[in-house]
């Protein structure tokens, strides 16, 4: 099994970005809670990761964040769908909230999960045991159309 650093010479593919935003159910990382410990990578491709305490987690009710919610659009016209004058919003399949961390040896920081290989951000404590998906191995499973 390849480790993350050994893949650095392989450029990111567009499919990796799409997969990072909508991972398969069995590969999604639970959102940490306040008080949890996670790993933190300060810089992209930094081999050093440090433990960090989670100080705050973004509210999943933040309708203005596209990492948590998306606007429902009519399939034929592309126009937003409204309910009682309010745009209809649905939760994204794989939400990506920010967390506030206190990493060892670094100042308090607000960051997101490091979903692309080598990217900066927080990582689950078991990230080294998680499967590493290279562009040719990624299969994006279609999600049902929820605009009905």
C-alpha atoms as a PDB file:
ATOM      1  CA  UNK A   1       0.000   0.000   0.000  1.00  0.00           C
ATOM      2  CA  UNK A   2       1.394   3.387  -1.027  1.00  0.00           C
ATOM      3  CA  UNK A   3       1.699   6.114   1.533  1.00  0.00           C
ATOM      4  CA  UNK A   4       0.580   9.672   0.869  1.00  0.00           C
ATOM      5  CA  UNK A   5       4.030  11.201   0.385  1.00  0.00           C
ATOM      6  CA  UNK A   6       5.036   8.607  -2.204  1.00  0.00           C
ATOM      7  CA  UNK A   7       2.189   9.859  -4.435  1.00  0.00           C
ATOM      8  CA  UNK A   8       3.314  13.496  -4.425  1.00  0.00           C
ATOM      9  CA  UNK A   9       4.645  13.297  -8.001  1.00  0.00           C
ATOM     10  CA  UNK A  10       1.198  12.234  -9.243  1.00  0.00           C
ATOM     11  CA  UNK A  11      -0.751  15.414 -10.071  1.00  0.00           C
ATOM     12  CA  UNK A  12      -4.219  15.927  -8.662  1.00  0.00           C
ATOM     13  CA  UNK A  13      -6.908  14.883 -11.118  1.00  0.00           C
ATOM     14  CA  UNK A  14     -10.325  16.598 -11.365  1.00  0.00           C
ATOM     15  CA  UNK A  15     -11.959  13.338 -10.263  1.00  0.00           C
ATOM     16  CA  UNK A  16     -10.100  13.591  -6.928  1.00  0.00           C
ATOM     17  CA  UNK A  17     -11.687  16.957  -6.195  1.00  0.00           C
ATOM     18  CA  UNK A  18     -15.141  15.657  -7.095  1.00  0.00           C
ATOM     19  CA  UNK A  19     -14.587  12.595  -4.929  1.00  0.00           C
ATOM     20  CA  UNK A  20     -13.342  14.703  -1.992  1.00  0.00           C
ATOM     21  CA  UNK A  21     -16.652  16.596  -2.013  1.00  0.00           C
ATOM     22  CA  UNK A  22     -18.856  13.494  -2.217  1.00  0.00           C
ATOM     23  CA  UNK A  23     -17.105  10.416  -0.855  1.00  0.00           C
ATOM     24  CA  UNK A  24     -18.714   7.007  -0.651  1.00  0.00           C
ATOM     25  CA  UNK A  25     -20.636   6.486   2.589  1.00  0.00           C
ATOM     26  CA  UNK A  26     -18.145   3.969   3.967  1.00  0.00           C
ATOM     27  CA  UNK A  27     -15.221   6.397   3.421  1.00  0.00           C
ATOM     28  CA  UNK A  28     -16.691   9.501   5.036  1.00  0.00           C
ATOM     29  CA  UNK A  29     -14.990  10.795   8.150  1.00  0.00           C
ATOM     30  CA  UNK A  30     -17.243  11.625  11.102  1.00  0.00           C
ATOM     31  CA  UNK A  31     -17.223  15.316  11.965  1.00  0.00           C
ATOM     32  CA  UNK A  32     -15.279  15.736  15.213  1.00  0.00           C
ATOM     33  CA  UNK A  33     -16.890  17.178  18.316  1.00  0.00           C
ATOM     34  CA  UNK A  34     -15.595  19.857  20.660  1.00  0.00           C
ATOM     35  CA  UNK A  35     -12.985  18.264  22.914  1.00  0.00           C
ATOM     36  CA  UNK A  36     -11.995  15.554  20.412  1.00  0.00           C
ATOM     37  CA  UNK A  37      -8.391  15.068  19.346  1.00  0.00           C
ATOM     38  CA  UNK A  38      -7.513  15.024  15.655  1.00  0.00           C
ATOM     39  CA  UNK A  39      -4.296  15.338  13.667  1.00  0.00           C
ATOM     40  CA  UNK A  40      -3.376  18.602  11.968  1.00  0.00           C
ATOM     41  CA  UNK A  41      -1.165  19.213   8.934  1.00  0.00           C
ATOM     42  CA  UNK A  42      -0.105  22.856   8.816  1.00  0.00           C
ATOM     43  CA  UNK A  43       1.291  22.958   5.260  1.00  0.00           C
ATOM     44  CA  UNK A  44       0.477  21.040   2.111  1.00  0.00           C
ATOM     45  CA  UNK A  45       2.598  17.875   1.789  1.00  0.00           C
ATOM     46  CA  UNK A  46       4.130  18.430   5.221  1.00  0.00           C
ATOM     47  CA  UNK A  47       5.212  15.027   6.515  1.00  0.00           C
ATOM     48  CA  UNK A  48       4.775  16.211  10.105  1.00  0.00           C
ATOM     49  CA  UNK A  49       1.317  15.993  11.593  1.00  0.00           C
ATOM     50  CA  UNK A  50       0.603  17.033  15.164  1.00  0.00           C
ATOM     51  CA  UNK A  51      -2.236  16.313  17.552  1.00  0.00           C
ATOM     52  CA  UNK A  52      -4.789  19.069  17.947  1.00  0.00           C
ATOM     53  CA  UNK A  53      -7.735  19.645  20.265  1.00  0.00           C
ATOM     54  CA  UNK A  54     -11.045  20.600  18.642  1.00  0.00           C
ATOM     55  CA  UNK A  55     -12.224  23.887  20.189  1.00  0.00           C
ATOM     56  CA  UNK A  56     -15.279  24.580  17.993  1.00  0.00           C
ATOM     57  CA  UNK A  57     -17.178  23.058  15.077  1.00  0.00           C
ATOM     58  CA  UNK A  58     -19.224  24.997  12.543  1.00  0.00           C
ATOM     59  CA  UNK A  59     -22.978  24.703  12.984  1.00  0.00           C
ATOM     60  CA  UNK A  60     -24.473  22.351  10.412  1.00  0.00           C
ATOM     61  CA  UNK A  61     -27.405  24.802  10.201  1.00  0.00           C
ATOM     62  CA  UNK A  62     -25.315  27.452   8.369  1.00  0.00           C
ATOM     63  CA  UNK A  63     -27.444  27.740   5.202  1.00  0.00           C
ATOM     64  CA  UNK A  64     -25.005  30.207   3.620  1.00  0.00           C
ATOM     65  CA  UNK A  65     -22.125  27.722   3.415  1.00  0.00           C
ATOM     66  CA  UNK A  66     -21.977  25.749   0.151  1.00  0.00           C
ATOM     67  CA  UNK A  67     -19.915  23.108   1.963  1.00  0.00           C
ATOM     68  CA  UNK A  68     -23.012  22.274   4.033  1.00  0.00           C
ATOM     69  CA  UNK A  69     -26.077  23.221   1.947  1.00  0.00           C
ATOM     70  CA  UNK A  70     -26.954  23.666  -1.720  1.00  0.00           C
ATOM     71  CA  UNK A  71     -29.721  25.501  -3.527  1.00  0.00           C
ATOM     72  CA  UNK A  72     -32.323  23.285  -5.207  1.00  0.00           C
ATOM     73  CA  UNK A  73     -32.864  24.189  -8.847  1.00  0.00           C
ATOM     74  CA  UNK A  74     -35.600  23.181 -11.271  1.00  0.00           C
ATOM     75  CA  UNK A  75     -34.271  20.393 -13.506  1.00  0.00           C
ATOM     76  CA  UNK A  76     -35.750  21.919 -16.680  1.00  0.00           C
ATOM     77  CA  UNK A  77     -35.154  25.638 -16.243  1.00  0.00           C
ATOM     78  CA  UNK A  78     -32.237  25.759 -13.835  1.00  0.00           C
ATOM     79  CA  UNK A  79     -34.114  28.367 -11.804  1.00  0.00           C
ATOM     80  CA  UNK A  80     -34.089  28.176  -7.979  1.00  0.00           C
ATOM     81  CA  UNK A  81     -37.064  26.439  -6.373  1.00  0.00           C
ATOM     82  CA  UNK A  82     -38.923  28.491  -3.739  1.00  0.00           C
ATOM     83  CA  UNK A  83     -41.173  27.412  -0.870  1.00  0.00           C
ATOM     84  CA  UNK A  84     -43.270  30.209   0.664  1.00  0.00           C
ATOM     85  CA  UNK A  85     -40.909  32.810  -0.781  1.00  0.00           C
ATOM     86  CA  UNK A  86     -37.761  31.136   0.585  1.00  0.00           C
ATOM     87  CA  UNK A  87     -35.260  29.287  -1.608  1.00  0.00           C
ATOM     88  CA  UNK A  88     -35.339  25.532  -1.044  1.00  0.00           C
ATOM     89  CA  UNK A  89     -32.044  24.284   0.369  1.00  0.00           C
ATOM     90  CA  UNK A  90     -30.858  20.699   0.878  1.00  0.00           C
ATOM     91  CA  UNK A  91     -27.930  19.372   2.878  1.00  0.00           C
ATOM     92  CA  UNK A  92     -24.944  18.323   0.803  1.00  0.00           C
ATOM     93  CA  UNK A  93     -24.310  14.586   0.763  1.00  0.00           C
ATOM     94  CA  UNK A  94     -20.899  14.834   2.438  1.00  0.00           C
ATOM     95  CA  UNK A  95     -20.779  18.041   4.541  1.00  0.00           C
ATOM     96  CA  UNK A  96     -17.441  19.803   5.003  1.00  0.00           C
ATOM     97  CA  UNK A  97     -17.666  22.100   8.053  1.00  0.00           C
ATOM     98  CA  UNK A  98     -14.766  24.095   9.420  1.00  0.00           C
ATOM     99  CA  UNK A  99     -13.339  23.286  12.837  1.00  0.00           C
ATOM    100  CA  UNK A 100     -11.348  25.481  15.216  1.00  0.00           C
ATOM    101  CA  UNK A 101      -8.244  23.688  16.492  1.00  0.00           C
ATOM    102  CA  UNK A 102      -5.472  24.195  18.989  1.00  0.00           C
ATOM    103  CA  UNK A 103      -2.609  22.235  17.393  1.00  0.00           C
ATOM    104  CA  UNK A 104       0.545  21.411  19.334  1.00  0.00           C
ATOM    105  CA  UNK A 105       3.233  23.937  18.421  1.00  0.00           C
ATOM    106  CA  UNK A 106       0.948  26.088  16.267  1.00  0.00           C
ATOM    107  CA  UNK A 107      -1.493  28.940  16.956  1.00  0.00           C
ATOM    108  CA  UNK A 108      -5.222  28.291  17.169  1.00  0.00           C
ATOM    109  CA  UNK A 109      -6.524  27.864  13.627  1.00  0.00           C
ATOM    110  CA  UNK A 110      -9.762  27.426  11.715  1.00  0.00           C
ATOM    111  CA  UNK A 111      -9.453  24.715   9.081  1.00  0.00           C
ATOM    112  CA  UNK A 112     -11.294  22.030   7.130  1.00  0.00           C
ATOM    113  CA  UNK A 113     -10.715  18.306   6.796  1.00  0.00           C
ATOM    114  CA  UNK A 114      -7.731  17.489   4.575  1.00  0.00           C
ATOM    115  CA  UNK A 115      -9.624  15.417   2.002  1.00  0.00           C
ATOM    116  CA  UNK A 116      -7.124  15.521  -0.863  1.00  0.00           C
ATOM    117  CA  UNK A 117      -3.931  13.564  -0.404  1.00  0.00           C
ATOM    118  CA  UNK A 118      -1.236  15.802   1.007  1.00  0.00           C
ATOM    119  CA  UNK A 119      -3.508  18.768   1.646  1.00  0.00           C
ATOM    120  CA  UNK A 120      -3.293  20.918   4.758  1.00  0.00           C
ATOM    121  CA  UNK A 121      -6.031  20.707   7.401  1.00  0.00           C
ATOM    122  CA  UNK A 122      -7.296  18.312  10.043  1.00  0.00           C
ATOM    123  CA  UNK A 123      -7.056  14.551   9.671  1.00  0.00           C
ATOM    124  CA  UNK A 124      -8.764  11.745  11.600  1.00  0.00           C
ATOM    125  CA  UNK A 125      -6.560   9.817  14.007  1.00  0.00           C
ATOM    126  CA  UNK A 126      -6.785   6.732  11.752  1.00  0.00           C
ATOM    127  CA  UNK A 127      -5.898   8.558   8.502  1.00  0.00           C
ATOM    128  CA  UNK A 128      -2.793   6.416   7.900  1.00  0.00           C
ATOM    129  CA  UNK A 129      -4.909   3.247   7.897  1.00  0.00           C
ATOM    130  CA  UNK A 130      -7.567   4.664   5.554  1.00  0.00           C
ATOM    131  CA  UNK A 131      -7.361   3.612   1.905  1.00  0.00           C
ATOM    132  CA  UNK A 132      -5.463   5.991  -0.361  1.00  0.00           C
ATOM    133  CA  UNK A 133      -7.433   6.628  -3.559  1.00  0.00           C
ATOM    134  CA  UNK A 134      -5.388   7.547  -6.621  1.00  0.00           C
ATOM    135  CA  UNK A 135      -7.137   8.986  -9.703  1.00  0.00           C
ATOM    136  CA  UNK A 136      -7.421   5.656 -11.536  1.00  0.00           C
ATOM    137  CA  UNK A 137      -8.970   3.958  -8.482  1.00  0.00           C
ATOM    138  CA  UNK A 138     -11.700   6.497  -7.811  1.00  0.00           C
ATOM    139  CA  UNK A 139     -15.246   5.535  -8.676  1.00  0.00           C
ATOM    140  CA  UNK A 140     -17.875   8.147  -7.963  1.00  0.00           C
ATOM    141  CA  UNK A 141     -21.178   6.511  -7.172  1.00  0.00           C
ATOM    142  CA  UNK A 142     -24.175   8.405  -8.554  1.00  0.00           C
ATOM    143  CA  UNK A 143     -26.498   9.931  -6.007  1.00  0.00           C
ATOM    144  CA  UNK A 144     -30.262   9.922  -6.530  1.00  0.00           C
ATOM    145  CA  UNK A 145     -31.881  13.070  -7.903  1.00  0.00           C
ATOM    146  CA  UNK A 146     -33.463  14.783  -4.906  1.00  0.00           C
ATOM    147  CA  UNK A 147     -35.153  17.648  -6.809  1.00  0.00           C
ATOM    148  CA  UNK A 148     -38.634  16.087  -6.808  1.00  0.00           C
END
